[in-house]
Amino acid sequence: MKIIDNKGRIFGLINYIDLLLVLAVIFVVGRFVLVDREGNLPKAIDSNSSKEVEILYYVKGVRDATINGVNIGDIFRSAATNNVVGELIKKDIEPSTIMTTNEKGKVVYSEIPDRFDMYLTIKGKGEITDDEIKVANEEIKIGKTSQIQSRMNRLEAIIFGIDYN
């Protein structure tokens, strides 16, 4: 039995030109799936990379109704992906202030009536690698603004701190 018969088929099953086209398509698709834009293969995620992460969110200038709608034990999700970020374990409230000038032109901080700043500590699970920390399948960094939501509220929050064990 010949490897390539008189019709150009390999072992009488498939045309060798068709086989080359199929292999080329597999190669091109594999290149885009397995290699990132910088040409690096993806790093293997260590099975021990999933750890508890505490994220401190800062929410500026909210009213009483928002504060009363946020309770310890609430589950927060990312508004972008609807994936669970974690459980609220601590809530601190401070009067909201604004930087302004007084009648002499001196810079002072004044309280904004009926507005408060909230610091929310949310505990969840995250994937931690040498390059990034991902929670709710999103990369988190201090200073990043993100929308988080609970059953009662959707908040525009700034990541103020990250702690992991």
N, C-alpha and C. Protein backbone atom coordinates (compact mmCIF):
# COMPACT_ATOMS: atom_id res chain seq x y z
N MET A 1 0.85 -1.18 0.00
CA MET A 1 0.00 0.00 0.00
C MET A 1 0.89 1.24 0.00
N LYS A 2 0.61 2.15 -0.92
CA LYS A 2 1.38 3.38 -1.03
C LYS A 2 0.91 4.38 0.02
N ILE A 3 1.86 5.24 0.44
CA ILE A 3 1.49 6.30 1.38
C ILE A 3 0.59 7.31 0.69
N ILE A 4 0.97 7.74 -0.52
CA ILE A 4 0.13 8.65 -1.31
C ILE A 4 -0.27 7.90 -2.58
N ASP A 5 -1.60 7.74 -2.79
CA ASP A 5 -2.06 7.01 -3.97
C ASP A 5 -2.08 7.93 -5.19
N ASN A 6 -2.56 7.40 -6.35
CA ASN A 6 -2.54 8.16 -7.60
C ASN A 6 -3.53 9.33 -7.59
N LYS A 7 -4.47 9.38 -6.65
CA LYS A 7 -5.41 10.51 -6.53
C LYS A 7 -4.91 11.57 -5.55
N GLY A 8 -3.72 11.40 -4.99
CA GLY A 8 -3.13 12.38 -4.08
C GLY A 8 -3.64 12.26 -2.65
N ARG A 9 -4.20 11.12 -2.29
CA ARG A 9 -4.71 10.93 -0.93
C ARG A 9 -3.69 10.18 -0.10
N ILE A 10 -3.58 10.60 1.16
CA ILE A 10 -2.67 9.94 2.09
C ILE A 10 -3.39 8.71 2.65
N PHE A 11 -2.77 7.54 2.48
CA PHE A 11 -3.35 6.25 2.88
C PHE A 11 -4.75 6.06 2.32
N GLY A 12 -5.05 6.75 1.24
CA GLY A 12 -6.36 6.62 0.60
C GLY A 12 -7.48 7.27 1.35
N LEU A 13 -7.16 8.12 2.37
CA LEU A 13 -8.20 8.73 3.20
C LEU A 13 -8.43 10.21 2.92
N ILE A 14 -7.36 11.00 2.89
CA ILE A 14 -7.51 12.45 2.77
C ILE A 14 -6.47 13.00 1.81
N ASN A 15 -6.87 13.96 1.05
CA ASN A 15 -5.98 14.62 0.11
C ASN A 15 -4.91 15.37 0.89
N TYR A 16 -3.66 15.30 0.47
CA TYR A 16 -2.58 15.94 1.23
C TYR A 16 -2.69 17.45 1.24
N ILE A 17 -3.27 18.07 0.22
CA ILE A 17 -3.46 19.53 0.22
C ILE A 17 -4.51 19.90 1.26
N ASP A 18 -5.59 19.13 1.36
CA ASP A 18 -6.61 19.38 2.38
C ASP A 18 -6.02 19.23 3.78
N LEU A 19 -5.16 18.24 3.96
CA LEU A 19 -4.52 18.02 5.24
C LEU A 19 -3.64 19.22 5.62
N LEU A 20 -2.89 19.75 4.66
CA LEU A 20 -2.06 20.93 4.92
C LEU A 20 -2.91 22.13 5.31
N LEU A 21 -4.04 22.32 4.66
CA LEU A 21 -4.93 23.43 5.01
C LEU A 21 -5.50 23.28 6.42
N VAL A 22 -5.90 22.07 6.77
CA VAL A 22 -6.43 21.82 8.12
C VAL A 22 -5.36 22.09 9.17
N LEU A 23 -4.14 21.63 8.94
CA LEU A 23 -3.04 21.87 9.88
C LEU A 23 -2.71 23.35 10.00
N ALA A 24 -2.77 24.09 8.88
CA ALA A 24 -2.50 25.53 8.92
C ALA A 24 -3.55 26.26 9.75
N VAL A 25 -4.81 25.88 9.59
CA VAL A 25 -5.89 26.51 10.38
C VAL A 25 -5.70 26.20 11.86
N ILE A 26 -5.37 24.97 12.20
CA ILE A 26 -5.13 24.59 13.60
C ILE A 26 -3.97 25.39 14.16
N PHE A 27 -2.91 25.55 13.39
CA PHE A 27 -1.75 26.31 13.84
C PHE A 27 -2.10 27.77 14.10
N VAL A 28 -2.82 28.40 13.18
CA VAL A 28 -3.18 29.82 13.33
C VAL A 28 -4.09 30.02 14.53
N VAL A 29 -5.10 29.19 14.68
CA VAL A 29 -6.01 29.31 15.82
C VAL A 29 -5.27 29.06 17.12
N GLY A 30 -4.41 28.07 17.16
CA GLY A 30 -3.62 27.77 18.36
C GLY A 30 -2.70 28.91 18.73
N ARG A 31 -2.14 29.57 17.76
CA ARG A 31 -1.24 30.71 18.03
C ARG A 31 -1.99 31.83 18.75
N PHE A 32 -3.21 32.13 18.31
CA PHE A 32 -3.96 33.22 18.93
C PHE A 32 -4.58 32.82 20.26
N VAL A 33 -4.85 31.56 20.45
CA VAL A 33 -5.43 31.10 21.71
C VAL A 33 -4.36 30.97 22.79
N LEU A 34 -3.21 30.44 22.43
CA LEU A 34 -2.20 30.12 23.44
C LEU A 34 -1.18 31.22 23.70
N VAL A 35 -1.01 32.15 22.79
CA VAL A 35 0.03 33.16 22.93
C VAL A 35 -0.63 34.52 23.05
N ASP A 36 -0.20 35.33 24.06
CA ASP A 36 -0.78 36.65 24.23
C ASP A 36 -0.18 37.64 23.24
N ARG A 37 -0.57 38.89 23.33
CA ARG A 37 -0.16 39.90 22.36
C ARG A 37 1.33 40.18 22.36
N GLU A 38 1.99 39.98 23.49
CA GLU A 38 3.43 40.21 23.57
C GLU A 38 4.22 38.99 23.12
N GLY A 39 3.56 37.93 22.74
CA GLY A 39 4.24 36.73 22.28
C GLY A 39 4.64 35.78 23.39
N ASN A 40 4.07 35.96 24.58
CA ASN A 40 4.41 35.10 25.72
C ASN A 40 3.36 34.02 25.88
N LEU A 41 3.83 32.84 26.22
CA LEU A 41 2.89 31.78 26.57
C LEU A 41 2.27 32.11 27.91
N PRO A 42 1.01 31.75 28.15
CA PRO A 42 0.41 32.05 29.44
C PRO A 42 1.11 31.31 30.57
N LYS A 43 1.20 31.98 31.72
CA LYS A 43 1.83 31.36 32.87
C LYS A 43 0.87 30.39 33.52
N ALA A 44 1.39 29.30 33.97
CA ALA A 44 0.55 28.34 34.68
C ALA A 44 0.18 28.94 36.03
N ILE A 45 -1.08 28.83 36.39
CA ILE A 45 -1.53 29.35 37.67
C ILE A 45 -1.28 28.30 38.72
N ASP A 46 -0.57 28.70 39.74
CA ASP A 46 -0.25 27.79 40.83
C ASP A 46 -1.54 27.41 41.53
N SER A 47 -1.69 26.14 41.84
CA SER A 47 -2.92 25.70 42.51
C SER A 47 -3.07 26.36 43.88
N ASN A 48 -1.97 26.83 44.45
CA ASN A 48 -2.03 27.52 45.74
C ASN A 48 -2.22 29.02 45.57
N SER A 49 -2.47 29.48 44.34
CA SER A 49 -2.57 30.92 44.11
C SER A 49 -3.92 31.48 44.54
N SER A 50 -4.92 30.67 44.76
CA SER A 50 -6.22 31.14 45.22
C SER A 50 -6.15 31.37 46.73
N LYS A 51 -6.24 32.63 47.11
CA LYS A 51 -6.11 32.98 48.52
C LYS A 51 -7.21 33.95 48.92
N GLU A 52 -7.34 34.11 50.24
CA GLU A 52 -8.28 35.11 50.74
C GLU A 52 -7.69 36.49 50.52
N VAL A 53 -8.53 37.39 50.04
CA VAL A 53 -8.11 38.76 49.76
C VAL A 53 -9.10 39.69 50.46
N GLU A 54 -8.56 40.68 51.17
CA GLU A 54 -9.39 41.73 51.76
C GLU A 54 -9.15 43.00 50.96
N ILE A 55 -10.24 43.56 50.44
CA ILE A 55 -10.16 44.77 49.64
C ILE A 55 -10.86 45.88 50.39
N LEU A 56 -10.17 47.01 50.55
CA LEU A 56 -10.75 48.18 51.18
C LEU A 56 -11.21 49.13 50.09
N TYR A 57 -12.52 49.34 50.02
CA TYR A 57 -13.11 50.24 49.04
C TYR A 57 -13.47 51.56 49.72
N TYR A 58 -13.30 52.66 48.99
CA TYR A 58 -13.65 54.00 49.46
C TYR A 58 -14.78 54.52 48.59
N VAL A 59 -15.89 54.88 49.23
CA VAL A 59 -17.05 55.42 48.52
C VAL A 59 -17.31 56.82 49.06
N LYS A 60 -17.27 57.82 48.19
CA LYS A 60 -17.36 59.21 48.62
C LYS A 60 -18.77 59.76 48.46
N GLY A 61 -19.19 60.55 49.43
CA GLY A 61 -20.39 61.38 49.34
C GLY A 61 -21.70 60.66 49.20
N VAL A 62 -21.97 59.66 50.03
CA VAL A 62 -23.25 58.96 49.97
C VAL A 62 -24.21 59.49 51.04
N ARG A 63 -25.48 59.21 50.86
CA ARG A 63 -26.50 59.66 51.80
C ARG A 63 -26.83 58.55 52.79
N ASP A 64 -27.68 58.90 53.78
CA ASP A 64 -28.10 57.95 54.82
C ASP A 64 -28.72 56.68 54.24
N ALA A 65 -29.55 56.83 53.20
CA ALA A 65 -30.23 55.67 52.64
C ALA A 65 -29.23 54.63 52.12
N THR A 66 -28.16 55.10 51.52
CA THR A 66 -27.13 54.17 51.02
C THR A 66 -26.42 53.50 52.18
N ILE A 67 -26.09 54.27 53.20
CA ILE A 67 -25.41 53.72 54.37
C ILE A 67 -26.28 52.66 55.04
N ASN A 68 -27.57 52.94 55.19
CA ASN A 68 -28.49 51.99 55.83
C ASN A 68 -28.72 50.75 54.97
N GLY A 69 -28.49 50.84 53.66
CA GLY A 69 -28.67 49.71 52.76
C GLY A 69 -27.46 48.79 52.68
N VAL A 70 -26.35 49.20 53.31
CA VAL A 70 -25.13 48.39 53.31
C VAL A 70 -24.94 47.81 54.70
N ASN A 71 -24.93 46.50 54.83
CA ASN A 71 -24.82 45.84 56.13
C ASN A 71 -23.72 44.79 56.13
N ILE A 72 -23.13 44.60 57.31
CA ILE A 72 -22.11 43.57 57.48
C ILE A 72 -22.72 42.23 57.07
N GLY A 73 -21.99 41.45 56.30
CA GLY A 73 -22.47 40.16 55.82
C GLY A 73 -23.05 40.21 54.41
N ASP A 74 -23.29 41.42 53.88
CA ASP A 74 -23.79 41.54 52.50
C ASP A 74 -22.75 40.98 51.53
N ILE A 75 -23.25 40.35 50.48
CA ILE A 75 -22.40 39.83 49.42
C ILE A 75 -22.34 40.88 48.31
N PHE A 76 -21.12 41.24 47.93
CA PHE A 76 -20.94 42.22 46.86
C PHE A 76 -20.46 41.53 45.60
N ARG A 77 -20.94 42.04 44.47
CA ARG A 77 -20.57 41.52 43.15
C ARG A 77 -19.97 42.65 42.31
N SER A 78 -19.19 42.27 41.34
CA SER A 78 -18.71 43.24 40.36
C SER A 78 -19.88 43.58 39.45
N ALA A 79 -20.14 44.87 39.25
CA ALA A 79 -21.24 45.27 38.37
C ALA A 79 -20.91 44.94 36.92
N ALA A 80 -19.63 44.90 36.57
CA ALA A 80 -19.23 44.62 35.19
C ALA A 80 -19.43 43.16 34.81
N THR A 81 -19.07 42.24 35.71
CA THR A 81 -19.11 40.82 35.38
C THR A 81 -20.18 40.04 36.14
N ASN A 82 -20.75 40.64 37.17
CA ASN A 82 -21.72 40.00 38.06
C ASN A 82 -21.11 38.82 38.83
N ASN A 83 -19.78 38.74 38.88
CA ASN A 83 -19.11 37.71 39.68
C ASN A 83 -18.97 38.19 41.11
N VAL A 84 -18.99 37.26 42.05
CA VAL A 84 -18.92 37.60 43.47
C VAL A 84 -17.52 38.11 43.82
N VAL A 85 -17.48 39.31 44.44
CA VAL A 85 -16.23 39.87 44.95
C VAL A 85 -15.98 39.31 46.34
N GLY A 86 -16.99 39.35 47.18
CA GLY A 86 -16.85 38.81 48.52
C GLY A 86 -17.91 39.32 49.47
N GLU A 87 -17.64 39.08 50.75
CA GLU A 87 -18.58 39.44 51.82
C GLU A 87 -18.07 40.66 52.57
N LEU A 88 -18.98 41.57 52.89
CA LEU A 88 -18.62 42.77 53.65
C LEU A 88 -18.35 42.38 55.10
N ILE A 89 -17.14 42.69 55.57
CA ILE A 89 -16.78 42.33 56.95
C ILE A 89 -16.61 43.56 57.84
N LYS A 90 -16.50 44.75 57.23
CA LYS A 90 -16.32 45.95 58.05
C LYS A 90 -16.82 47.16 57.27
N LYS A 91 -17.49 48.08 57.99
CA LYS A 91 -18.01 49.31 57.39
C LYS A 91 -17.69 50.47 58.31
N ASP A 92 -16.95 51.45 57.82
CA ASP A 92 -16.64 52.66 58.57
C ASP A 92 -17.24 53.86 57.85
N ILE A 93 -17.81 54.77 58.64
CA ILE A 93 -18.47 55.96 58.09
C ILE A 93 -17.79 57.20 58.66
N GLU A 94 -17.56 58.19 57.79
CA GLU A 94 -17.02 59.49 58.20
C GLU A 94 -17.82 60.57 57.50
N PRO A 95 -17.92 61.76 58.11
CA PRO A 95 -18.56 62.87 57.40
C PRO A 95 -17.76 63.20 56.13
N SER A 96 -18.46 63.49 55.06
CA SER A 96 -17.80 63.84 53.81
C SER A 96 -17.35 65.30 53.86
N THR A 97 -16.16 65.56 53.38
CA THR A 97 -15.62 66.92 53.39
C THR A 97 -15.22 67.34 51.99
N ILE A 98 -15.12 68.64 51.82
CA ILE A 98 -14.69 69.22 50.56
C ILE A 98 -13.63 70.28 50.86
N MET A 99 -12.64 70.38 50.00
CA MET A 99 -11.61 71.39 50.17
C MET A 99 -12.10 72.69 49.52
N THR A 100 -12.07 73.77 50.30
CA THR A 100 -12.54 75.06 49.80
C THR A 100 -11.69 76.17 50.44
N THR A 101 -12.02 77.39 50.19
CA THR A 101 -11.30 78.52 50.80
C THR A 101 -12.26 79.31 51.67
N ASN A 102 -11.71 79.90 52.74
CA ASN A 102 -12.54 80.74 53.60
C ASN A 102 -12.48 82.19 53.09
N GLU A 103 -13.09 83.10 53.85
CA GLU A 103 -13.15 84.51 53.42
C GLU A 103 -11.79 85.18 53.34
N LYS A 104 -10.78 84.62 53.99
CA LYS A 104 -9.42 85.17 53.94
C LYS A 104 -8.57 84.51 52.84
N GLY A 105 -9.14 83.57 52.11
CA GLY A 105 -8.42 82.91 51.03
C GLY A 105 -7.62 81.70 51.47
N LYS A 106 -7.75 81.32 52.73
CA LYS A 106 -7.02 80.16 53.25
C LYS A 106 -7.79 78.88 52.90
N VAL A 107 -7.06 77.84 52.53
CA VAL A 107 -7.67 76.56 52.18
C VAL A 107 -8.13 75.86 53.47
N VAL A 108 -9.39 75.46 53.49
CA VAL A 108 -9.96 74.75 54.64
C VAL A 108 -10.80 73.58 54.12
N TYR A 109 -11.04 72.63 55.02
CA TYR A 109 -11.92 71.51 54.70
C TYR A 109 -13.25 71.74 55.40
N SER A 110 -14.32 71.67 54.63
CA SER A 110 -15.67 71.88 55.17
C SER A 110 -16.48 70.61 55.01
N GLU A 111 -17.30 70.32 56.02
CA GLU A 111 -18.18 69.16 55.94
C GLU A 111 -19.32 69.45 54.97
N ILE A 112 -19.69 68.43 54.23
CA ILE A 112 -20.84 68.52 53.33
C ILE A 112 -22.05 67.99 54.10
N PRO A 113 -23.06 68.83 54.29
CA PRO A 113 -24.23 68.38 55.06
C PRO A 113 -24.90 67.16 54.42
N ASP A 114 -25.31 66.22 55.25
CA ASP A 114 -26.05 65.02 54.84
C ASP A 114 -25.29 64.13 53.87
N ARG A 115 -23.97 64.23 53.81
CA ARG A 115 -23.16 63.36 52.96
C ARG A 115 -22.08 62.70 53.80
N PHE A 116 -21.78 61.45 53.46
CA PHE A 116 -20.82 60.68 54.23
C PHE A 116 -19.88 59.91 53.30
N ASP A 117 -18.71 59.59 53.79
CA ASP A 117 -17.76 58.74 53.09
C ASP A 117 -17.76 57.38 53.77
N MET A 118 -17.80 56.32 52.98
CA MET A 118 -17.80 54.96 53.52
C MET A 118 -16.51 54.25 53.14
N TYR A 119 -15.98 53.50 54.09
CA TYR A 119 -14.87 52.60 53.84
C TYR A 119 -15.40 51.19 54.06
N LEU A 120 -15.42 50.40 52.99
CA LEU A 120 -15.96 49.05 53.05
C LEU A 120 -14.83 48.04 52.89
N THR A 121 -14.72 47.11 53.84
CA THR A 121 -13.74 46.04 53.74
C THR A 121 -14.48 44.78 53.32
N ILE A 122 -14.11 44.28 52.15
CA ILE A 122 -14.77 43.10 51.59
C ILE A 122 -13.75 41.97 51.51
N LYS A 123 -14.16 40.81 52.03
CA LYS A 123 -13.29 39.64 52.05
C LYS A 123 -13.78 38.64 51.01
N GLY A 124 -12.87 38.22 50.12
CA GLY A 124 -13.23 37.28 49.08
C GLY A 124 -12.05 36.42 48.70
N LYS A 125 -12.21 35.65 47.64
CA LYS A 125 -11.15 34.79 47.12
C LYS A 125 -10.57 35.43 45.86
N GLY A 126 -9.25 35.32 45.72
CA GLY A 126 -8.59 35.88 44.56
C GLY A 126 -7.48 35.00 44.05
N GLU A 127 -7.17 35.16 42.79
CA GLU A 127 -6.04 34.47 42.15
C GLU A 127 -4.85 35.41 42.21
N ILE A 128 -3.78 34.97 42.84
CA ILE A 128 -2.61 35.81 43.05
C ILE A 128 -1.43 35.21 42.30
N THR A 129 -0.86 35.99 41.39
CA THR A 129 0.33 35.59 40.66
C THR A 129 1.40 36.64 40.89
N ASP A 130 2.55 36.44 40.27
CA ASP A 130 3.64 37.42 40.40
C ASP A 130 3.26 38.76 39.76
N ASP A 131 2.40 38.73 38.75
CA ASP A 131 2.09 39.93 37.99
C ASP A 131 0.79 40.63 38.39
N GLU A 132 -0.15 39.91 38.97
CA GLU A 132 -1.46 40.52 39.20
C GLU A 132 -2.23 39.81 40.31
N ILE A 133 -3.28 40.49 40.74
CA ILE A 133 -4.25 39.92 41.67
C ILE A 133 -5.60 40.03 40.99
N LYS A 134 -6.30 38.91 40.87
CA LYS A 134 -7.62 38.90 40.25
C LYS A 134 -8.66 38.46 41.27
N VAL A 135 -9.71 39.25 41.38
CA VAL A 135 -10.86 38.92 42.20
C VAL A 135 -12.08 39.10 41.31
N ALA A 136 -12.99 38.16 41.36
CA ALA A 136 -14.20 38.18 40.52
C ALA A 136 -13.82 38.23 39.05
N ASN A 137 -12.72 37.57 38.72
CA ASN A 137 -12.21 37.48 37.35
C ASN A 137 -11.83 38.85 36.77
N GLU A 138 -11.51 39.80 37.65
CA GLU A 138 -11.06 41.13 37.23
C GLU A 138 -9.77 41.46 37.97
N GLU A 139 -8.85 42.10 37.29
CA GLU A 139 -7.62 42.53 37.92
C GLU A 139 -7.93 43.70 38.84
N ILE A 140 -7.39 43.66 40.05
CA ILE A 140 -7.60 44.76 40.99
C ILE A 140 -6.26 45.42 41.29
N LYS A 141 -6.31 46.73 41.44
CA LYS A 141 -5.13 47.52 41.79
C LYS A 141 -5.59 48.68 42.66
N ILE A 142 -4.71 49.09 43.57
CA ILE A 142 -5.03 50.24 44.42
C ILE A 142 -5.17 51.46 43.53
N GLY A 143 -6.24 52.22 43.75
CA GLY A 143 -6.51 53.42 42.96
C GLY A 143 -7.48 53.19 41.83
N LYS A 144 -7.79 51.94 41.51
CA LYS A 144 -8.71 51.63 40.43
C LYS A 144 -10.15 51.89 40.88
N THR A 145 -10.91 52.51 40.02
CA THR A 145 -12.32 52.73 40.29
C THR A 145 -13.10 51.55 39.75
N SER A 146 -14.02 51.06 40.55
CA SER A 146 -14.86 49.96 40.07
C SER A 146 -16.26 50.09 40.65
N GLN A 147 -17.19 49.51 39.94
CA GLN A 147 -18.57 49.49 40.42
C GLN A 147 -18.82 48.15 41.09
N ILE A 148 -19.30 48.22 42.33
CA ILE A 148 -19.67 47.01 43.05
C ILE A 148 -21.13 47.14 43.44
N GLN A 149 -21.77 46.01 43.58
CA GLN A 149 -23.20 46.05 43.92
C GLN A 149 -23.54 44.95 44.90
N SER A 150 -24.48 45.30 45.76
CA SER A 150 -25.06 44.31 46.67
C SER A 150 -26.51 44.14 46.26
N ARG A 151 -27.26 43.50 47.09
CA ARG A 151 -28.68 43.30 46.80
C ARG A 151 -29.42 44.64 46.74
N MET A 152 -28.94 45.62 47.55
CA MET A 152 -29.67 46.89 47.67
C MET A 152 -29.01 48.07 46.95
N ASN A 153 -27.71 48.02 46.73
CA ASN A 153 -26.99 49.20 46.24
C ASN A 153 -26.04 48.88 45.11
N ARG A 154 -25.79 49.88 44.30
CA ARG A 154 -24.69 49.86 43.33
C ARG A 154 -23.84 51.08 43.66
N LEU A 155 -22.54 50.83 43.88
CA LEU A 155 -21.65 51.88 44.35
C LEU A 155 -20.48 52.06 43.41
N GLU A 156 -20.09 53.31 43.18
CA GLU A 156 -18.86 53.64 42.46
C GLU A 156 -17.80 53.78 43.54
N ALA A 157 -16.84 52.87 43.57
CA ALA A 157 -15.88 52.80 44.66
C ALA A 157 -14.45 52.81 44.13
N ILE A 158 -13.55 53.31 44.94
CA ILE A 158 -12.12 53.32 44.61
C ILE A 158 -11.45 52.30 45.52
N ILE A 159 -10.60 51.45 44.94
CA ILE A 159 -9.87 50.48 45.75
C ILE A 159 -8.80 51.25 46.52
N PHE A 160 -8.90 51.21 47.83
CA PHE A 160 -8.06 52.00 48.73
C PHE A 160 -6.95 51.16 49.35
N GLY A 161 -7.16 49.84 49.40
CA GLY A 161 -6.15 48.95 49.98
C GLY A 161 -6.45 47.50 49.63
N ILE A 162 -5.38 46.69 49.56
CA ILE A 162 -5.50 45.26 49.28
C ILE A 162 -4.61 44.51 50.25
N ASP A 163 -5.16 43.47 50.88
CA ASP A 163 -4.39 42.66 51.81
C ASP A 163 -4.72 41.19 51.51
N TYR A 164 -3.68 40.38 51.42
CA TYR A 164 -3.89 38.95 51.20
C TYR A 164 -2.88 38.17 52.03
N ASN A 165 -3.27 36.93 52.34
CA ASN A 165 -2.42 36.07 53.17
C ASN A 165 -1.72 35.04 52.33
